[in-house]
Amino acid sequence: MKSTPNFEFETAALQPVCGVDEVGRGPWAGPVTAAAVILDPYNIPAGLNDSKKLTKARREALFIEIMATATISIASASVQEIDQINILQATFLAMRRAIEGLGIKPQFALIDGNKIPPNLPCKAQAIVKGDARSLSISAASIVAKVTRDRLMCDLSATFPGYGWETNAGYGTKAHQEGLATLGITPHHRVSFKPIHKMLC
């Protein structure tokens, strides 16, 4: 029997509680994006789950529902910040910015993963595979994924030929072919090995 995300972590935590997730640690281009979401316990959209387990159409539909019913903050760390402080620290930075950007100060944060970002404005708990276990983190994963996918699609209009509208900056064959033909853009992470090799 497959398990689905529930509200148990939120119920046990100090209120209000936010779920936090990020997307974009692995791509060769674009920012890393995080979302912090405080769900309304009495108005939780049905079907929340790990964004990777949902179709694009379902993610988009849930994104609209989440935006209409929850308290949300979305933040990023730029390519320049990724290259300066490394992807892990940039991920922490994006998560911290997302939490700090909430209109309501959370008392507790549920963080997807096994590490808690430093210097958060509230207490926190890291939950491995949290996007498949906590409804708040599931919602955050959907918001972050849809937001970043849309951003990469917009960037692909300015920098065509890398397939960002479909690969979101990951190192797919289309992306590799674009790099070989067109070279590196300002949106590529030069600290990442495949891009660094091209520069050297």
N, C-alpha and C. Protein backbone atom coordinates (compact mmCIF):
# COMPACT_ATOMS: atom_id res chain seq x y z
N MET A 1 0.84 -1.20 0.00
CA MET A 1 0.00 0.00 0.00
C MET A 1 0.88 1.25 0.00
N LYS A 2 0.65 2.13 -0.97
CA LYS A 2 1.46 3.33 -1.09
C LYS A 2 1.04 4.36 -0.04
N SER A 3 2.05 4.95 0.59
CA SER A 3 1.76 6.00 1.56
C SER A 3 1.63 7.34 0.84
N THR A 4 0.88 8.24 1.41
CA THR A 4 0.71 9.57 0.85
C THR A 4 1.04 10.60 1.93
N PRO A 5 1.37 11.83 1.54
CA PRO A 5 1.69 12.85 2.53
C PRO A 5 0.50 13.09 3.46
N ASN A 6 0.82 13.42 4.71
CA ASN A 6 -0.24 13.71 5.67
C ASN A 6 0.11 14.97 6.46
N PHE A 7 -0.72 15.27 7.47
CA PHE A 7 -0.56 16.51 8.23
C PHE A 7 -0.05 16.25 9.64
N GLU A 8 0.52 15.06 9.87
CA GLU A 8 0.94 14.68 11.22
C GLU A 8 2.10 15.53 11.73
N PHE A 9 3.08 15.81 10.87
CA PHE A 9 4.22 16.63 11.30
C PHE A 9 3.75 18.03 11.68
N GLU A 10 2.83 18.57 10.90
CA GLU A 10 2.32 19.90 11.16
C GLU A 10 1.53 19.95 12.48
N THR A 11 0.73 18.93 12.71
CA THR A 11 -0.09 18.89 13.92
C THR A 11 0.77 18.84 15.17
N ALA A 12 1.91 18.15 15.07
CA ALA A 12 2.79 17.99 16.22
C ALA A 12 3.69 19.19 16.47
N ALA A 13 3.79 20.09 15.49
CA ALA A 13 4.72 21.21 15.58
C ALA A 13 4.04 22.45 16.13
N LEU A 14 4.86 23.41 16.56
CA LEU A 14 4.36 24.71 16.98
C LEU A 14 3.71 25.41 15.80
N GLN A 15 2.60 26.07 16.02
CA GLN A 15 1.87 26.74 14.95
C GLN A 15 2.15 28.25 14.96
N PRO A 16 2.16 28.91 13.78
CA PRO A 16 2.01 28.30 12.47
C PRO A 16 3.29 27.61 12.00
N VAL A 17 3.14 26.59 11.17
CA VAL A 17 4.27 25.82 10.66
C VAL A 17 4.31 25.93 9.15
N CYS A 18 5.52 26.05 8.62
CA CYS A 18 5.66 26.11 7.16
C CYS A 18 6.43 24.89 6.66
N GLY A 19 6.08 24.46 5.48
CA GLY A 19 6.84 23.44 4.78
C GLY A 19 7.78 24.12 3.80
N VAL A 20 8.99 23.60 3.66
CA VAL A 20 10.00 24.23 2.81
C VAL A 20 10.64 23.19 1.91
N ASP A 21 10.72 23.50 0.62
CA ASP A 21 11.41 22.62 -0.32
C ASP A 21 12.07 23.47 -1.39
N GLU A 22 13.01 22.86 -2.08
CA GLU A 22 13.74 23.56 -3.14
C GLU A 22 13.73 22.73 -4.40
N VAL A 23 14.03 23.39 -5.50
CA VAL A 23 14.21 22.70 -6.77
C VAL A 23 15.35 23.39 -7.50
N GLY A 24 16.14 22.59 -8.20
CA GLY A 24 17.19 23.18 -9.02
C GLY A 24 18.60 23.02 -8.49
N ARG A 25 18.83 22.00 -7.66
CA ARG A 25 20.21 21.79 -7.19
C ARG A 25 21.09 21.18 -8.27
N GLY A 26 20.51 20.33 -9.10
CA GLY A 26 21.31 19.59 -10.06
C GLY A 26 21.54 20.21 -11.43
N PRO A 27 20.69 21.14 -11.88
CA PRO A 27 20.86 21.69 -13.23
C PRO A 27 22.19 22.41 -13.44
N TRP A 28 22.57 22.54 -14.68
CA TRP A 28 23.80 23.24 -15.05
C TRP A 28 23.56 24.73 -15.24
N ALA A 29 22.29 25.12 -15.29
CA ALA A 29 21.96 26.52 -15.55
C ALA A 29 20.76 26.94 -14.71
N GLY A 30 20.68 28.24 -14.46
CA GLY A 30 19.54 28.79 -13.74
C GLY A 30 19.73 28.80 -12.24
N PRO A 31 18.88 29.54 -11.54
CA PRO A 31 18.98 29.65 -10.08
C PRO A 31 18.47 28.41 -9.38
N VAL A 32 18.71 28.33 -8.10
CA VAL A 32 18.05 27.33 -7.25
C VAL A 32 16.90 28.06 -6.57
N THR A 33 15.73 27.45 -6.58
CA THR A 33 14.51 28.11 -6.11
C THR A 33 13.90 27.34 -4.95
N ALA A 34 13.47 28.08 -3.94
CA ALA A 34 12.84 27.47 -2.76
C ALA A 34 11.47 28.10 -2.53
N ALA A 35 10.60 27.33 -1.91
CA ALA A 35 9.29 27.84 -1.52
C ALA A 35 9.03 27.47 -0.07
N ALA A 36 8.37 28.37 0.64
CA ALA A 36 7.89 28.12 1.99
C ALA A 36 6.38 28.29 1.97
N VAL A 37 5.67 27.31 2.51
CA VAL A 37 4.21 27.31 2.43
C VAL A 37 3.60 27.02 3.80
N ILE A 38 2.68 27.89 4.21
CA ILE A 38 1.85 27.64 5.39
C ILE A 38 0.45 27.31 4.91
N LEU A 39 0.06 26.05 5.04
CA LEU A 39 -1.26 25.63 4.59
C LEU A 39 -2.34 26.06 5.57
N ASP A 40 -3.52 26.32 5.04
CA ASP A 40 -4.70 26.52 5.87
C ASP A 40 -5.22 25.13 6.24
N PRO A 41 -5.16 24.73 7.51
CA PRO A 41 -5.56 23.37 7.88
C PRO A 41 -6.99 23.02 7.48
N TYR A 42 -7.83 24.05 7.29
CA TYR A 42 -9.23 23.81 6.95
C TYR A 42 -9.50 23.93 5.45
N ASN A 43 -8.45 24.16 4.68
CA ASN A 43 -8.62 24.33 3.24
C ASN A 43 -7.37 23.85 2.50
N ILE A 44 -7.08 22.57 2.66
CA ILE A 44 -5.90 21.97 2.03
C ILE A 44 -6.29 21.37 0.68
N PRO A 45 -5.65 21.78 -0.40
CA PRO A 45 -5.98 21.22 -1.71
C PRO A 45 -5.82 19.70 -1.73
N ALA A 46 -6.75 19.03 -2.36
CA ALA A 46 -6.71 17.57 -2.45
C ALA A 46 -5.65 17.13 -3.46
N GLY A 47 -4.97 16.05 -3.15
CA GLY A 47 -4.02 15.46 -4.10
C GLY A 47 -2.60 15.96 -4.00
N LEU A 48 -2.25 16.67 -2.93
CA LEU A 48 -0.88 17.14 -2.76
C LEU A 48 0.06 15.94 -2.65
N ASN A 49 1.20 16.05 -3.32
CA ASN A 49 2.20 14.98 -3.28
C ASN A 49 3.52 15.55 -3.75
N ASP A 50 4.56 14.75 -3.64
CA ASP A 50 5.87 15.10 -4.18
C ASP A 50 5.69 15.55 -5.63
N SER A 51 6.19 16.72 -5.96
CA SER A 51 5.98 17.28 -7.30
C SER A 51 6.48 16.36 -8.40
N LYS A 52 7.52 15.56 -8.10
CA LYS A 52 8.08 14.65 -9.11
C LYS A 52 7.12 13.51 -9.44
N LYS A 53 6.16 13.25 -8.56
CA LYS A 53 5.21 12.17 -8.78
C LYS A 53 3.95 12.62 -9.51
N LEU A 54 3.88 13.91 -9.81
CA LEU A 54 2.69 14.47 -10.44
C LEU A 54 2.97 14.83 -11.90
N THR A 55 1.95 14.77 -12.72
CA THR A 55 2.09 15.22 -14.10
C THR A 55 2.20 16.75 -14.12
N LYS A 56 2.70 17.27 -15.21
CA LYS A 56 2.83 18.73 -15.33
C LYS A 56 1.46 19.39 -15.18
N ALA A 57 0.44 18.83 -15.81
CA ALA A 57 -0.90 19.41 -15.74
C ALA A 57 -1.42 19.41 -14.31
N ARG A 58 -1.17 18.31 -13.58
CA ARG A 58 -1.64 18.24 -12.20
C ARG A 58 -0.88 19.22 -11.32
N ARG A 59 0.44 19.35 -11.54
CA ARG A 59 1.22 20.33 -10.78
C ARG A 59 0.69 21.74 -10.99
N GLU A 60 0.41 22.06 -12.26
CA GLU A 60 -0.07 23.40 -12.57
C GLU A 60 -1.41 23.68 -11.90
N ALA A 61 -2.30 22.68 -11.91
CA ALA A 61 -3.61 22.85 -11.29
C ALA A 61 -3.48 23.03 -9.78
N LEU A 62 -2.63 22.21 -9.16
CA LEU A 62 -2.43 22.32 -7.71
C LEU A 62 -1.73 23.62 -7.35
N PHE A 63 -0.83 24.07 -8.19
CA PHE A 63 -0.14 25.35 -7.97
C PHE A 63 -1.17 26.47 -7.82
N ILE A 64 -2.15 26.50 -8.70
CA ILE A 64 -3.19 27.53 -8.65
C ILE A 64 -3.97 27.43 -7.34
N GLU A 65 -4.31 26.21 -6.94
CA GLU A 65 -5.06 26.01 -5.69
C GLU A 65 -4.25 26.43 -4.47
N ILE A 66 -2.97 26.05 -4.46
CA ILE A 66 -2.11 26.39 -3.32
C ILE A 66 -1.97 27.91 -3.21
N MET A 67 -1.73 28.56 -4.35
CA MET A 67 -1.55 30.01 -4.34
C MET A 67 -2.81 30.73 -3.84
N ALA A 68 -3.97 30.12 -4.06
CA ALA A 68 -5.23 30.74 -3.68
C ALA A 68 -5.62 30.49 -2.22
N THR A 69 -5.02 29.47 -1.60
CA THR A 69 -5.49 29.06 -0.27
C THR A 69 -4.43 29.14 0.83
N ALA A 70 -3.17 29.23 0.47
CA ALA A 70 -2.09 29.15 1.46
C ALA A 70 -1.31 30.46 1.55
N THR A 71 -0.49 30.56 2.59
CA THR A 71 0.47 31.66 2.72
C THR A 71 1.79 31.19 2.14
N ILE A 72 2.31 31.91 1.17
CA ILE A 72 3.43 31.41 0.36
C ILE A 72 4.52 32.46 0.21
N SER A 73 5.75 31.98 0.20
CA SER A 73 6.89 32.83 -0.14
C SER A 73 7.81 32.02 -1.05
N ILE A 74 8.27 32.65 -2.12
CA ILE A 74 9.16 32.01 -3.08
C ILE A 74 10.44 32.82 -3.15
N ALA A 75 11.58 32.16 -3.12
CA ALA A 75 12.86 32.87 -3.16
C ALA A 75 13.88 32.03 -3.94
N SER A 76 14.92 32.69 -4.39
CA SER A 76 15.96 32.01 -5.16
C SER A 76 17.34 32.44 -4.69
N ALA A 77 18.31 31.65 -5.08
CA ALA A 77 19.72 32.06 -5.02
C ALA A 77 20.22 32.04 -6.46
N SER A 78 20.88 33.09 -6.85
CA SER A 78 21.27 33.28 -8.25
C SER A 78 22.42 32.37 -8.65
N VAL A 79 22.65 32.31 -9.95
CA VAL A 79 23.79 31.56 -10.48
C VAL A 79 25.09 32.11 -9.90
N GLN A 80 25.18 33.43 -9.79
CA GLN A 80 26.39 34.04 -9.23
C GLN A 80 26.61 33.61 -7.78
N GLU A 81 25.52 33.55 -7.02
CA GLU A 81 25.63 33.12 -5.62
C GLU A 81 25.99 31.64 -5.53
N ILE A 82 25.43 30.83 -6.42
CA ILE A 82 25.77 29.41 -6.46
C ILE A 82 27.27 29.24 -6.70
N ASP A 83 27.80 30.00 -7.66
CA ASP A 83 29.22 29.88 -7.99
C ASP A 83 30.12 30.42 -6.87
N GLN A 84 29.62 31.38 -6.12
CA GLN A 84 30.43 31.98 -5.06
C GLN A 84 30.46 31.14 -3.78
N ILE A 85 29.31 30.58 -3.40
CA ILE A 85 29.25 29.93 -2.08
C ILE A 85 28.96 28.43 -2.15
N ASN A 86 28.79 27.86 -3.30
CA ASN A 86 28.51 26.47 -3.64
C ASN A 86 27.01 26.18 -3.57
N ILE A 87 26.60 25.12 -4.22
CA ILE A 87 25.18 24.84 -4.40
C ILE A 87 24.47 24.52 -3.08
N LEU A 88 25.14 23.84 -2.15
CA LEU A 88 24.49 23.52 -0.89
C LEU A 88 24.18 24.79 -0.11
N GLN A 89 25.18 25.67 0.02
CA GLN A 89 24.97 26.91 0.77
C GLN A 89 23.97 27.82 0.06
N ALA A 90 23.97 27.80 -1.26
CA ALA A 90 23.00 28.59 -2.02
C ALA A 90 21.59 28.05 -1.81
N THR A 91 21.46 26.74 -1.69
CA THR A 91 20.16 26.13 -1.40
C THR A 91 19.68 26.57 -0.03
N PHE A 92 20.56 26.52 0.96
CA PHE A 92 20.22 27.01 2.30
C PHE A 92 19.79 28.48 2.26
N LEU A 93 20.50 29.28 1.47
CA LEU A 93 20.20 30.70 1.37
C LEU A 93 18.80 30.91 0.78
N ALA A 94 18.48 30.17 -0.27
CA ALA A 94 17.15 30.30 -0.89
C ALA A 94 16.06 29.88 0.08
N MET A 95 16.29 28.81 0.83
CA MET A 95 15.31 28.36 1.82
C MET A 95 15.11 29.40 2.92
N ARG A 96 16.21 29.94 3.41
CA ARG A 96 16.13 30.94 4.47
C ARG A 96 15.38 32.18 3.96
N ARG A 97 15.67 32.61 2.75
CA ARG A 97 14.97 33.76 2.17
C ARG A 97 13.48 33.49 2.04
N ALA A 98 13.13 32.25 1.65
CA ALA A 98 11.72 31.91 1.49
C ALA A 98 10.99 31.99 2.83
N ILE A 99 11.60 31.44 3.88
CA ILE A 99 10.97 31.48 5.20
C ILE A 99 10.84 32.93 5.69
N GLU A 100 11.90 33.71 5.50
CA GLU A 100 11.88 35.10 5.97
C GLU A 100 10.88 35.95 5.19
N GLY A 101 10.53 35.51 3.99
CA GLY A 101 9.62 36.28 3.14
C GLY A 101 8.15 36.03 3.40
N LEU A 102 7.83 35.08 4.27
CA LEU A 102 6.43 34.80 4.59
C LEU A 102 5.80 36.00 5.32
N GLY A 103 4.57 36.31 4.99
CA GLY A 103 3.88 37.41 5.66
C GLY A 103 3.60 37.11 7.11
N ILE A 104 3.50 35.82 7.44
CA ILE A 104 3.30 35.38 8.81
C ILE A 104 4.60 34.75 9.28
N LYS A 105 5.07 35.13 10.46
CA LYS A 105 6.30 34.52 10.97
C LYS A 105 5.97 33.11 11.49
N PRO A 106 6.56 32.09 10.89
CA PRO A 106 6.28 30.73 11.36
C PRO A 106 6.97 30.45 12.69
N GLN A 107 6.36 29.61 13.47
CA GLN A 107 6.98 29.16 14.72
C GLN A 107 7.87 27.94 14.49
N PHE A 108 7.62 27.27 13.36
CA PHE A 108 8.34 26.03 13.10
C PHE A 108 8.40 25.82 11.59
N ALA A 109 9.50 25.23 11.12
CA ALA A 109 9.67 24.94 9.70
C ALA A 109 9.98 23.47 9.50
N LEU A 110 9.31 22.86 8.56
CA LEU A 110 9.58 21.48 8.15
C LEU A 110 10.37 21.55 6.86
N ILE A 111 11.61 21.06 6.90
CA ILE A 111 12.54 21.19 5.79
C ILE A 111 12.70 19.85 5.07
N ASP A 112 12.54 19.85 3.77
CA ASP A 112 12.77 18.62 3.02
C ASP A 112 14.27 18.31 2.99
N GLY A 113 14.63 17.07 3.31
CA GLY A 113 16.04 16.68 3.27
C GLY A 113 16.56 16.24 4.62
N ASN A 114 17.87 16.16 4.72
CA ASN A 114 18.48 15.70 5.98
C ASN A 114 19.31 16.77 6.68
N LYS A 115 19.21 18.01 6.19
CA LYS A 115 19.97 19.11 6.80
C LYS A 115 19.07 20.31 7.03
N ILE A 116 19.30 21.01 8.12
CA ILE A 116 18.57 22.23 8.43
C ILE A 116 19.45 23.43 8.08
N PRO A 117 18.98 24.34 7.25
CA PRO A 117 19.78 25.52 6.93
C PRO A 117 20.12 26.31 8.19
N PRO A 118 21.30 26.91 8.25
CA PRO A 118 21.68 27.69 9.43
C PRO A 118 20.95 29.03 9.48
N ASN A 119 20.88 29.58 10.68
CA ASN A 119 20.38 30.94 10.90
C ASN A 119 18.93 31.14 10.47
N LEU A 120 18.10 30.13 10.66
CA LEU A 120 16.68 30.29 10.35
C LEU A 120 16.01 31.14 11.42
N PRO A 121 14.91 31.82 11.08
CA PRO A 121 14.23 32.67 12.07
C PRO A 121 13.29 31.89 12.99
N CYS A 122 13.30 30.56 12.89
CA CYS A 122 12.42 29.75 13.73
C CYS A 122 13.04 28.36 13.92
N LYS A 123 12.46 27.60 14.81
CA LYS A 123 12.89 26.22 14.98
C LYS A 123 12.53 25.41 13.73
N ALA A 124 13.23 24.29 13.53
CA ALA A 124 13.00 23.53 12.31
C ALA A 124 13.30 22.05 12.51
N GLN A 125 12.75 21.26 11.62
CA GLN A 125 13.00 19.82 11.58
C GLN A 125 13.25 19.42 10.14
N ALA A 126 14.32 18.67 9.91
CA ALA A 126 14.60 18.14 8.58
C ALA A 126 13.90 16.78 8.45
N ILE A 127 13.25 16.56 7.31
CA ILE A 127 12.51 15.32 7.07
C ILE A 127 12.97 14.72 5.74
N VAL A 128 13.64 13.59 5.81
CA VAL A 128 14.09 12.91 4.59
C VAL A 128 12.86 12.46 3.80
N LYS A 129 12.89 12.74 2.50
CA LYS A 129 11.74 12.48 1.62
C LYS A 129 10.49 13.17 2.13
N GLY A 130 10.69 14.36 2.67
CA GLY A 130 9.58 15.11 3.26
C GLY A 130 8.50 15.46 2.28
N ASP A 131 8.86 15.63 1.00
CA ASP A 131 7.85 15.99 0.01
C ASP A 131 6.86 14.87 -0.25
N ALA A 132 7.18 13.66 0.21
CA ALA A 132 6.25 12.54 0.10
C ALA A 132 5.64 12.17 1.45
N ARG A 133 5.96 12.96 2.49
CA ARG A 133 5.50 12.63 3.85
C ARG A 133 4.70 13.75 4.51
N SER A 134 5.02 14.98 4.17
CA SER A 134 4.36 16.14 4.78
C SER A 134 3.60 16.92 3.72
N LEU A 135 2.34 17.23 4.00
CA LEU A 135 1.53 17.98 3.04
C LEU A 135 2.10 19.37 2.79
N SER A 136 2.62 20.01 3.83
CA SER A 136 3.18 21.35 3.66
C SER A 136 4.42 21.34 2.77
N ILE A 137 5.26 20.33 2.96
CA ILE A 137 6.46 20.21 2.11
C ILE A 137 6.05 19.83 0.69
N SER A 138 5.04 18.97 0.55
CA SER A 138 4.53 18.64 -0.79
C SER A 138 4.09 19.90 -1.52
N ALA A 139 3.34 20.74 -0.81
CA ALA A 139 2.88 21.99 -1.42
C ALA A 139 4.06 22.87 -1.81
N ALA A 140 5.06 22.95 -0.94
CA ALA A 140 6.25 23.75 -1.25
C ALA A 140 7.00 23.20 -2.45
N SER A 141 7.05 21.88 -2.58
CA SER A 141 7.76 21.27 -3.71
C SER A 141 7.05 21.61 -5.02
N ILE A 142 5.73 21.64 -4.99
CA ILE A 142 4.96 21.97 -6.20
C ILE A 142 5.16 23.43 -6.58
N VAL A 143 5.08 24.32 -5.60
CA VAL A 143 5.24 25.74 -5.86
C VAL A 143 6.64 26.04 -6.40
N ALA A 144 7.65 25.46 -5.79
CA ALA A 144 9.03 25.70 -6.24
C ALA A 144 9.25 25.16 -7.64
N LYS A 145 8.75 23.96 -7.91
CA LYS A 145 8.96 23.33 -9.23
C LYS A 145 8.27 24.10 -10.33
N VAL A 146 7.00 24.45 -10.14
CA VAL A 146 6.27 25.18 -11.18
C VAL A 146 6.92 26.54 -11.42
N THR A 147 7.29 27.22 -10.35
CA THR A 147 7.92 28.54 -10.48
C THR A 147 9.21 28.48 -11.26
N ARG A 148 10.08 27.52 -10.91
CA ARG A 148 11.37 27.45 -11.59
C ARG A 148 11.22 26.97 -13.02
N ASP A 149 10.33 26.02 -13.27
CA ASP A 149 10.11 25.56 -14.64
C ASP A 149 9.65 26.70 -15.54
N ARG A 150 8.77 27.54 -15.01
CA ARG A 150 8.30 28.69 -15.79
C ARG A 150 9.43 29.67 -16.06
N LEU A 151 10.29 29.88 -15.05
CA LEU A 151 11.43 30.77 -15.23
C LEU A 151 12.36 30.26 -16.32
N MET A 152 12.66 28.97 -16.28
CA MET A 152 13.58 28.40 -17.28
C MET A 152 12.96 28.43 -18.67
N CYS A 153 11.64 28.30 -18.73
CA CYS A 153 10.96 28.41 -20.02
C CYS A 153 11.09 29.84 -20.56
N ASP A 154 10.95 30.83 -19.69
CA ASP A 154 11.12 32.23 -20.09
C ASP A 154 12.55 32.49 -20.55
N LEU A 155 13.52 31.94 -19.82
CA LEU A 155 14.92 32.14 -20.20
C LEU A 155 15.23 31.49 -21.54
N SER A 156 14.54 30.39 -21.85
CA SER A 156 14.79 29.70 -23.11
C SER A 156 14.37 30.54 -24.31
N ALA A 157 13.44 31.47 -24.09
CA ALA A 157 13.03 32.35 -25.19
C ALA A 157 14.13 33.35 -25.53
N THR A 158 14.91 33.73 -24.51
CA THR A 158 16.02 34.66 -24.72
C THR A 158 17.28 33.93 -25.15
N PHE A 159 17.45 32.72 -24.65
CA PHE A 159 18.62 31.90 -24.98
C PHE A 159 18.14 30.56 -25.55
N PRO A 160 17.65 30.57 -26.79
CA PRO A 160 17.17 29.32 -27.39
C PRO A 160 18.33 28.40 -27.75
N GLY A 161 18.00 27.13 -27.93
CA GLY A 161 19.00 26.17 -28.40
C GLY A 161 19.55 25.25 -27.33
N TYR A 162 19.17 25.48 -26.05
CA TYR A 162 19.66 24.63 -24.96
C TYR A 162 18.58 23.69 -24.42
N GLY A 163 17.36 23.86 -24.89
CA GLY A 163 16.27 23.00 -24.45
C GLY A 163 15.77 23.27 -23.07
N TRP A 164 16.02 24.48 -22.54
CA TRP A 164 15.63 24.78 -21.16
C TRP A 164 14.13 24.71 -20.95
N GLU A 165 13.36 24.91 -22.02
CA GLU A 165 11.91 24.87 -21.88
C GLU A 165 11.40 23.47 -21.53
N THR A 166 12.24 22.45 -21.78
CA THR A 166 11.85 21.08 -21.43
C THR A 166 12.78 20.44 -20.41
N ASN A 167 14.06 20.82 -20.41
CA ASN A 167 15.00 20.18 -19.47
C ASN A 167 15.29 21.00 -18.22
N ALA A 168 14.75 22.23 -18.14
CA ALA A 168 14.89 23.09 -16.96
C ALA A 168 16.34 23.33 -16.56
N GLY A 169 17.25 23.19 -17.52
CA GLY A 169 18.66 23.46 -17.24
C GLY A 169 19.49 22.25 -16.88
N TYR A 170 18.84 21.08 -16.79
CA TYR A 170 19.60 19.85 -16.51
C TYR A 170 20.46 19.48 -17.72
N GLY A 171 21.47 18.65 -17.49
CA GLY A 171 22.46 18.34 -18.51
C GLY A 171 22.00 17.28 -19.50
N THR A 172 20.90 17.49 -20.15
CA THR A 172 20.39 16.54 -21.15
C THR A 172 21.21 16.61 -22.43
N LYS A 173 20.92 15.71 -23.34
CA LYS A 173 21.62 15.69 -24.62
C LYS A 173 21.40 17.00 -25.37
N ALA A 174 20.16 17.50 -25.36
CA ALA A 174 19.86 18.76 -26.05
C ALA A 174 20.66 19.92 -25.44
N HIS A 175 20.79 19.91 -24.13
CA HIS A 175 21.56 20.96 -23.45
C HIS A 175 23.04 20.86 -23.82
N GLN A 176 23.56 19.66 -23.82
CA GLN A 176 24.96 19.45 -24.18
C GLN A 176 25.24 19.87 -25.62
N GLU A 177 24.32 19.56 -26.51
CA GLU A 177 24.48 19.96 -27.91
C GLU A 177 24.44 21.48 -28.05
N GLY A 178 23.55 22.11 -27.28
CA GLY A 178 23.49 23.57 -27.30
C GLY A 178 24.78 24.21 -26.81
N LEU A 179 25.36 23.64 -25.76
CA LEU A 179 26.63 24.15 -25.25
C LEU A 179 27.74 24.00 -26.29
N ALA A 180 27.76 22.85 -26.96
CA ALA A 180 28.81 22.60 -27.95
C ALA A 180 28.69 23.56 -29.14
N THR A 181 27.45 23.91 -29.48
CA THR A 181 27.20 24.77 -30.64
C THR A 181 27.24 26.25 -30.30
N LEU A 182 26.63 26.61 -29.20
CA LEU A 182 26.40 28.02 -28.88
C LEU A 182 27.30 28.56 -27.77
N GLY A 183 27.88 27.67 -26.98
CA GLY A 183 28.73 28.10 -25.89
C GLY A 183 27.96 28.38 -24.61
N ILE A 184 28.63 29.04 -23.66
CA ILE A 184 28.11 29.26 -22.33
C ILE A 184 27.38 30.61 -22.24
N THR A 185 26.29 30.62 -21.50
CA THR A 185 25.52 31.85 -21.29
C THR A 185 25.78 32.40 -19.89
N PRO A 186 25.30 33.61 -19.60
CA PRO A 186 25.43 34.15 -18.24
C PRO A 186 24.62 33.36 -17.21
N HIS A 187 23.74 32.49 -17.67
CA HIS A 187 22.90 31.71 -16.76
C HIS A 187 23.48 30.33 -16.45
N HIS A 188 24.65 30.02 -16.97
CA HIS A 188 25.29 28.75 -16.67
C HIS A 188 26.12 28.85 -15.39
N ARG A 189 26.14 27.75 -14.65
CA ARG A 189 26.88 27.68 -13.38
C ARG A 189 28.32 27.28 -13.67
N VAL A 190 29.20 28.24 -13.67
CA VAL A 190 30.58 27.97 -14.09
C VAL A 190 31.34 27.13 -13.05
N SER A 191 30.82 27.03 -11.84
CA SER A 191 31.47 26.19 -10.82
C SER A 191 31.12 24.71 -11.00
N PHE A 192 30.13 24.40 -11.83
CA PHE A 192 29.76 23.01 -12.07
C PHE A 192 30.74 22.39 -13.07
N LYS A 193 31.14 21.18 -12.80
CA LYS A 193 32.23 20.54 -13.54
C LYS A 193 32.07 20.59 -15.06
N PRO A 194 30.92 20.23 -15.64
CA PRO A 194 30.82 20.25 -17.11
C PRO A 194 31.03 21.64 -17.70
N ILE A 195 30.56 22.67 -17.03
CA ILE A 195 30.74 24.04 -17.52
C ILE A 195 32.17 24.51 -17.25
N HIS A 196 32.69 24.18 -16.09
CA HIS A 196 34.06 24.54 -15.75
C HIS A 196 35.05 23.94 -16.75
N LYS A 197 34.80 22.71 -17.15
CA LYS A 197 35.68 22.05 -18.13
C LYS A 197 35.70 22.81 -19.45
N MET A 198 34.54 23.30 -19.87
CA MET A 198 34.46 24.04 -21.12
C MET A 198 35.27 25.33 -21.05
N LEU A 199 35.26 25.98 -19.89
CA LEU A 199 35.99 27.21 -19.72
C LEU A 199 37.50 26.99 -19.69
N CYS A 200 37.88 25.80 -19.22
CA CYS A 200 39.32 25.49 -19.08
C CYS A 200 39.88 24.82 -20.33
